[in-house]
Protein backbone atom coordinates (compact mmCIF):
# COMPACT_ATOMS: atom_id res chain seq x y z
CA MET A 1 37.95 17.64 -7.41
CA ARG A 2 35.01 19.40 -8.88
CA SER A 3 31.92 17.36 -8.23
CA LEU A 4 28.32 17.56 -7.21
CA ASN A 5 28.26 16.03 -4.33
CA VAL A 6 41.29 14.40 -0.76
CA SER A 7 43.32 17.65 -1.08
CA SER A 8 48.94 22.90 2.17
CA VAL A 9 46.98 24.78 4.50
CA VAL A 10 43.52 26.44 4.78
CA THR A 11 42.54 28.56 7.76
CA ILE A 12 38.85 28.73 8.34
CA ALA A 13 36.77 30.66 10.80
CA GLY A 14 33.18 30.86 11.82
CA LEU A 15 30.67 29.25 14.06
CA ILE A 16 28.52 26.63 12.57
CA GLY A 17 27.81 22.52 11.48
CA PHE A 18 26.12 19.90 9.42
CA SER A 19 23.96 16.88 10.04
CA VAL A 20 24.77 13.28 9.37
CA ALA A 21 24.78 12.00 5.75
CA ALA A 22 24.44 15.64 4.80
CA GLN A 23 27.96 16.16 6.16
CA ALA A 24 27.59 17.47 9.70
CA ALA A 25 30.17 17.87 12.41
CA ASP A 26 28.66 18.38 15.83
CA VAL A 27 30.82 16.65 18.41
CA GLY A 28 30.38 15.71 21.93
CA SER A 29 29.95 15.61 25.60
CA ALA A 30 33.59 15.55 26.86
CA PRO A 31 36.56 17.72 25.82
CA MET A 32 37.83 15.63 22.88
CA VAL A 33 34.95 13.59 21.53
CA THR A 34 33.06 13.16 18.32
CA LYS A 35 29.43 13.64 19.29
CA ALA A 36 27.27 16.42 20.71
CA PRO A 37 24.45 15.54 23.09
CA VAL A 38 21.16 14.33 21.64
CA GLU A 39 18.12 14.03 23.92
CA ALA A 40 17.58 10.40 24.91
CA SER A 41 13.84 10.65 24.23
CA THR A 42 14.48 11.30 20.53
CA ASP A 43 17.53 9.03 20.01
CA GLN A 44 15.77 6.63 17.61
CA GLU A 45 13.31 9.08 16.07
CA TRP A 46 13.54 9.40 12.28
CA THR A 47 14.54 12.79 10.90
CA VAL A 48 14.79 14.54 7.53
CA THR A 49 17.40 17.26 7.05
CA VAL A 50 17.32 19.72 4.14
CA GLY A 51 19.60 22.65 3.35
CA ALA A 52 22.35 23.84 1.04
CA TYR A 53 26.07 24.32 0.65
CA MET A 54 27.17 27.63 -0.90
CA PHE A 55 30.84 27.85 -1.85
CA ALA A 56 33.54 29.06 -4.22
CA GLN A 57 35.43 26.54 -6.34
CA PRO A 58 37.60 26.46 -9.50
CA ASN A 59 35.68 26.87 -12.77
CA TYR A 60 37.06 23.49 -13.84
CA TYR A 61 39.78 21.08 -12.69
CA GLY A 62 43.11 22.95 -12.66
CA SER A 63 41.59 26.39 -13.29
CA ASP A 64 42.89 29.60 -11.72
CA ASP A 65 39.45 31.23 -12.11
CA TYR A 66 36.71 30.67 -9.55
CA GLU A 67 32.94 30.49 -9.54
CA PHE A 68 30.25 30.42 -6.87
CA ALA A 69 28.31 27.18 -6.64
CA ALA A 70 25.44 25.75 -4.62
CA ARG A 71 24.72 22.16 -3.75
CA PRO A 72 21.67 20.70 -2.03
CA LEU A 73 22.09 19.16 1.40
CA PHE A 74 19.75 16.29 2.24
CA SER A 75 19.71 13.33 4.60
CA ILE A 76 17.36 10.87 6.26
CA ALA A 77 18.65 9.51 9.57
CA ARG A 78 17.73 8.60 13.12
CA ALA A 79 18.21 11.37 15.65
CA ASN A 80 21.14 9.64 17.34
CA LYS A 81 23.12 9.93 14.06
CA LEU A 82 22.67 13.70 13.65
CA SER A 83 25.74 14.58 15.70
CA GLU A 84 28.17 12.20 13.99
CA PHE A 85 31.12 13.86 12.26
CA ASN A 86 31.21 14.17 8.48
CA SER A 87 33.42 16.40 6.37
CA PHE A 88 32.32 18.58 3.46
CA LYS A 89 34.68 16.47 1.31
CA ASP A 90 32.96 13.19 2.18
CA ASN A 91 30.99 11.90 -0.76
CA PRO A 92 27.39 10.77 -0.08
CA SER A 93 27.46 7.32 1.48
CA ILE A 94 25.34 4.62 3.10
CA ALA A 95 26.77 2.57 5.98
CA LEU A 96 26.33 -1.18 5.62
CA TRP A 97 28.38 -2.18 8.67
CA ASP A 98 28.80 0.08 11.70
CA THR A 99 30.40 -0.91 14.99
CA GLY A 100 30.91 2.67 16.20
CA PRO A 101 34.68 3.05 15.75
CA VAL A 102 34.63 1.24 12.39
CA GLU A 103 32.21 1.84 9.54
CA LEU A 104 32.04 0.35 6.04
CA GLY A 105 29.62 1.07 3.23
CA ILE A 106 28.90 2.23 -0.30
CA VAL A 107 29.67 5.70 -1.63
CA GLY A 108 28.79 7.62 -4.77
CA SER A 109 29.44 10.94 -6.49
CA MET A 110 28.77 12.89 -9.67
CA ASN A 111 31.26 15.08 -11.56
CA TRP A 112 29.94 18.09 -13.41
CA LYS A 113 30.46 18.28 -17.16
CA ARG A 114 33.17 20.48 -18.71
CA ASP A 115 32.40 22.47 -21.87
CA ALA A 116 34.98 24.29 -23.97
CA SER A 117 32.69 27.31 -23.68
CA ASP A 118 33.16 27.38 -19.90
CA SER A 119 36.40 29.38 -20.27
CA VAL A 120 38.60 30.94 -22.95
CA ASN A 121 41.38 28.79 -21.48
CA LEU A 122 39.56 25.69 -22.75
CA ARG A 123 39.37 26.80 -26.39
CA GLY A 124 40.08 23.90 -28.71
CA LEU A 125 39.43 21.17 -26.13
CA LYS A 126 36.62 18.69 -26.48
CA ASP A 127 33.66 18.80 -24.10
CA ILE A 128 33.57 16.25 -21.26
CA ASP A 129 30.21 14.83 -20.25
CA TYR A 130 28.85 14.28 -16.74
CA ALA A 131 30.65 11.48 -14.90
CA TYR A 132 29.22 9.17 -12.26
CA GLN A 133 31.21 7.39 -9.56
CA ILE A 134 30.28 4.46 -7.34
CA GLY A 135 32.37 2.49 -4.88
CA GLY A 136 33.06 1.72 -1.25
CA TYR A 137 34.33 3.55 1.80
CA GLY A 138 35.74 2.74 5.21
CA GLN A 139 36.34 4.92 8.25
CA TRP A 140 37.95 4.29 11.62
CA TYR A 141 38.26 6.19 14.89
CA PRO A 142 41.52 4.93 16.48
CA VAL A 143 40.75 7.42 19.28
CA ASP A 144 37.51 9.32 19.77
CA TRP A 145 38.91 12.66 18.46
CA LEU A 146 40.54 11.33 15.25
CA ARG A 147 38.76 9.98 12.17
CA LEU A 148 40.53 8.22 9.28
CA ARG A 149 38.49 7.75 6.09
CA GLY A 150 39.15 6.28 2.66
CA GLU A 151 36.95 6.07 -0.43
CA VAL A 152 37.60 4.10 -3.62
CA LEU A 153 35.29 4.91 -6.54
CA TYR A 154 34.95 3.69 -10.11
CA GLY A 155 33.95 6.39 -12.58
CA PHE A 156 32.05 6.07 -15.84
CA GLY A 157 30.42 8.45 -18.29
CA GLY A 158 32.64 11.49 -18.72
CA PHE A 159 35.68 9.46 -17.73
CA GLU A 160 36.40 5.81 -17.02
CA GLY A 161 38.80 5.01 -14.21
CA VAL A 162 39.38 4.80 -10.48
CA VAL A 163 39.70 7.57 -7.89
CA ALA A 164 40.75 7.06 -4.25
CA ASN A 165 40.26 9.75 -1.58
CA LEU A 166 42.12 9.56 1.75
CA ALA A 167 41.59 11.90 4.70
CA ALA A 168 42.39 12.27 8.39
CA ASP A 169 40.46 14.70 10.61
CA GLY A 170 41.22 15.77 14.16
CA ILE A 171 37.98 16.81 15.89
CA TYR A 172 37.51 19.13 18.87
CA PHE A 173 34.22 20.08 20.53
CA SER A 174 34.41 23.35 22.51
CA ASP A 175 31.93 24.02 25.32
CA SER A 176 33.63 27.38 25.96
CA LEU A 177 32.77 28.63 22.45
CA GLY A 178 29.08 27.83 22.58
CA GLY A 179 29.37 24.24 21.45
CA ALA A 180 31.26 24.91 18.23
CA THR A 181 33.05 21.96 16.65
CA PHE A 182 36.48 22.40 15.04
CA SER A 183 37.98 19.83 12.67
CA ALA A 184 40.98 19.79 10.35
CA GLY A 185 43.43 17.42 8.72
CA PRO A 186 45.40 16.30 5.65
CA ARG A 187 43.99 14.90 2.41
CA MET A 188 45.34 12.89 -0.51
CA THR A 189 43.74 11.80 -3.78
CA LEU A 190 45.07 9.13 -6.13
CA ALA A 191 43.61 8.54 -9.58
CA SER A 192 44.09 6.30 -12.58
CA SER A 193 45.10 7.56 -16.01
CA GLY A 194 41.47 7.31 -17.09
CA PHE A 195 40.58 10.20 -14.79
CA ILE A 196 43.73 12.32 -15.05
CA ASP A 197 44.14 12.07 -18.82
CA THR A 198 40.47 12.91 -19.38
CA TYR A 199 40.67 16.20 -17.47
CA TYR A 200 44.35 17.10 -17.98
CA GLY A 201 45.40 15.45 -21.23
CA VAL A 202 45.54 17.26 -24.60
CA THR A 203 45.40 15.32 -27.87
CA ALA A 204 47.36 16.41 -30.94
CA GLY A 205 44.12 17.38 -32.67
CA GLU A 206 42.94 19.45 -29.70
CA ALA A 207 46.33 21.20 -29.47
CA ALA A 208 46.23 22.11 -33.18
CA ILE A 209 42.75 23.60 -32.90
CA ALA A 210 43.59 25.36 -29.62
CA GLN A 211 46.67 27.02 -31.13
CA GLN A 212 44.66 28.20 -34.12
CA LEU A 213 42.27 29.82 -31.63
CA GLY A 214 45.11 31.51 -29.73
CA ASN A 215 45.22 29.00 -26.87
CA ASN A 216 48.87 27.92 -26.51
CA LEU A 217 48.31 24.29 -25.51
CA THR A 218 50.64 21.47 -26.60
CA PRO A 219 49.88 17.73 -26.89
CA TYR A 220 50.06 16.00 -23.51
CA LYS A 221 49.35 12.45 -22.36
CA ALA A 222 48.69 12.15 -18.64
CA GLY A 223 49.15 9.00 -16.58
CA GLY A 224 47.82 7.91 -13.22
CA GLY A 225 49.30 8.28 -9.74
CA ILE A 226 49.05 10.75 -6.89
CA TYR A 227 46.62 13.39 -8.09
CA SER A 228 46.76 15.87 -5.19
CA VAL A 229 47.65 16.43 -1.56
CA GLY A 230 46.26 19.08 0.71
CA PHE A 231 44.53 20.13 3.88
CA GLY A 232 40.98 20.93 4.90
CA GLY A 233 38.94 22.00 7.87
CA GLN A 234 35.63 23.25 9.12
CA ILE A 235 33.93 24.97 12.05
CA SER A 236 30.40 23.87 12.75
CA LYS A 237 27.61 24.60 15.20
CA ARG A 238 24.10 23.41 15.97
CA PHE A 239 22.24 26.65 16.76
CA THR A 240 19.04 24.90 17.83
CA GLN A 241 17.80 21.32 17.79
CA ASN A 242 16.69 21.96 14.21
CA ILE A 243 19.13 24.50 12.71
CA THR A 244 22.77 23.67 11.92
CA GLY A 245 25.42 25.53 9.96
CA SER A 246 29.11 25.39 9.07
CA VAL A 247 32.04 27.24 7.56
CA PHE A 248 34.54 25.09 5.66
CA GLY A 249 37.67 25.34 3.51
CA GLU A 250 39.73 22.92 1.46
CA TYR A 251 43.13 23.35 -0.22
CA SER A 252 44.72 20.90 -2.67
CA TYR A 253 48.00 20.98 -4.59
CA LEU A 254 48.02 19.20 -7.94
CA LEU A 255 50.93 16.78 -8.34
CA ASP A 256 52.72 14.82 -11.06
CA ASP A 257 50.89 14.46 -14.37
CA ALA A 258 47.96 16.63 -13.34
CA GLY A 259 50.16 19.49 -12.15
CA ASN A 260 52.46 19.25 -15.19
CA SER A 261 49.62 19.43 -17.72
CA PRO A 262 49.62 22.47 -20.04
CA ILE A 263 46.01 23.01 -18.97
CA VAL A 264 47.48 23.84 -15.54
CA ALA A 265 50.99 25.09 -16.43
CA VAL A 266 49.86 27.45 -19.23
CA ASN A 267 46.39 28.53 -18.21
CA GLY A 268 45.73 27.30 -14.68
CA ASP A 269 47.15 26.84 -11.21
CA ARG A 270 48.38 23.85 -9.18
CA ASN A 271 46.83 25.46 -6.08
CA GLN A 272 43.12 24.67 -5.85
CA PHE A 273 40.74 26.02 -3.20
CA GLN A 274 37.18 25.49 -2.07
CA ALA A 275 35.54 27.53 0.70
CA GLY A 276 31.99 28.21 1.76
CA VAL A 277 29.16 27.82 4.24
CA SER A 278 26.27 25.47 4.83
CA LEU A 279 22.90 25.85 6.52
CA SER A 280 20.36 23.11 7.19
CA TYR A 281 17.07 22.46 8.98
CA THR A 282 16.14 19.11 10.55
CA PHE A 283 12.54 17.91 10.77
CA PHE A 284 11.78 15.39 13.54
CA LEU A 285 9.14 13.03 12.13
CA GLY A 286 7.69 11.80 15.41
CA PHE A 287 8.11 8.05 14.87
CA GLN A 288 10.87 5.50 15.30
C-alpha cells in the first residue's frame, strides 16, 4: 500500500540494515537469533538515528507504472534497541508493553494523496486527499528466529475505514557473510470497504467523465475483505557502529474487489512491487 511511512515472491540481494524504530534488521550473536552484538558499555545510552529510504513503488494503488520515492528514516532509542529486527513494511510504532518475545503498542501511518493529474489512467476520477492512520500493533517471537506481527489501523481523511496488516519474518544472522542479516516471509492485508472503495471504486459520474476523456472505466463499487497477499524480504548490515544500510523488496498480489476493479483490470496490474535501499547514521548522545 502506498504510504509515507502486508503483501508471491521477491528475491533481494545486497549487504546492508536499519536501526530500531527506523526499521532496522541487525540480528545476533548465535546462528539463528534476532540481535547483533551491542557493546555493554553503551547498552542504555540514548541514540538518534537519521537517514533515508530510496525505493521504487507504483505511481498509485493498482498502477502498472512506477516512480522513485524517498522517505526519511528517523528514530530515537537506547543503544540496546538498535539491533532489534524491524521490516521496511512495519509502520512507525511506539512500544507500550515489551517483555522481549511479546511487544504491544501504538502504530501510525500516512497515505499520500492521489490526484487525477498523476496519470492519464486516472482521467475522470476525483482526487483523494492525504489519509492518516492510527491504531495498535502486536508482535511475538515464538522462537528467536521468527517474528509474527499484526497491525490494525483506523484511517481518516482521504478515506475512512480499517486496514489490518499481517506479516511473518524468518530471520538469519550470518557471521560468514560479514554479519549480514537476511529476513523474508509472507504478508497479508485486509481492509474495509471504506479503504478499498475509495482507491478502487468508480462512481457512475466518474465513469461518464472518464469515458468522455478516453479512459474506458466503468462504474464499480468495491467492498471490503482480503486486500492483498504477498512476500517480502531484506538483507541488512551494520557497516560500523554508526552506519547501517539495507536492500529490501516487497511483492503483493491484489485480490477480490481490489484486483477486480477497472482501475486495475483496464489500466493497472494486480502485481505490485516495492524495492529499494536504505542508509542511516546513528549518533550516540553520551547519556543514559
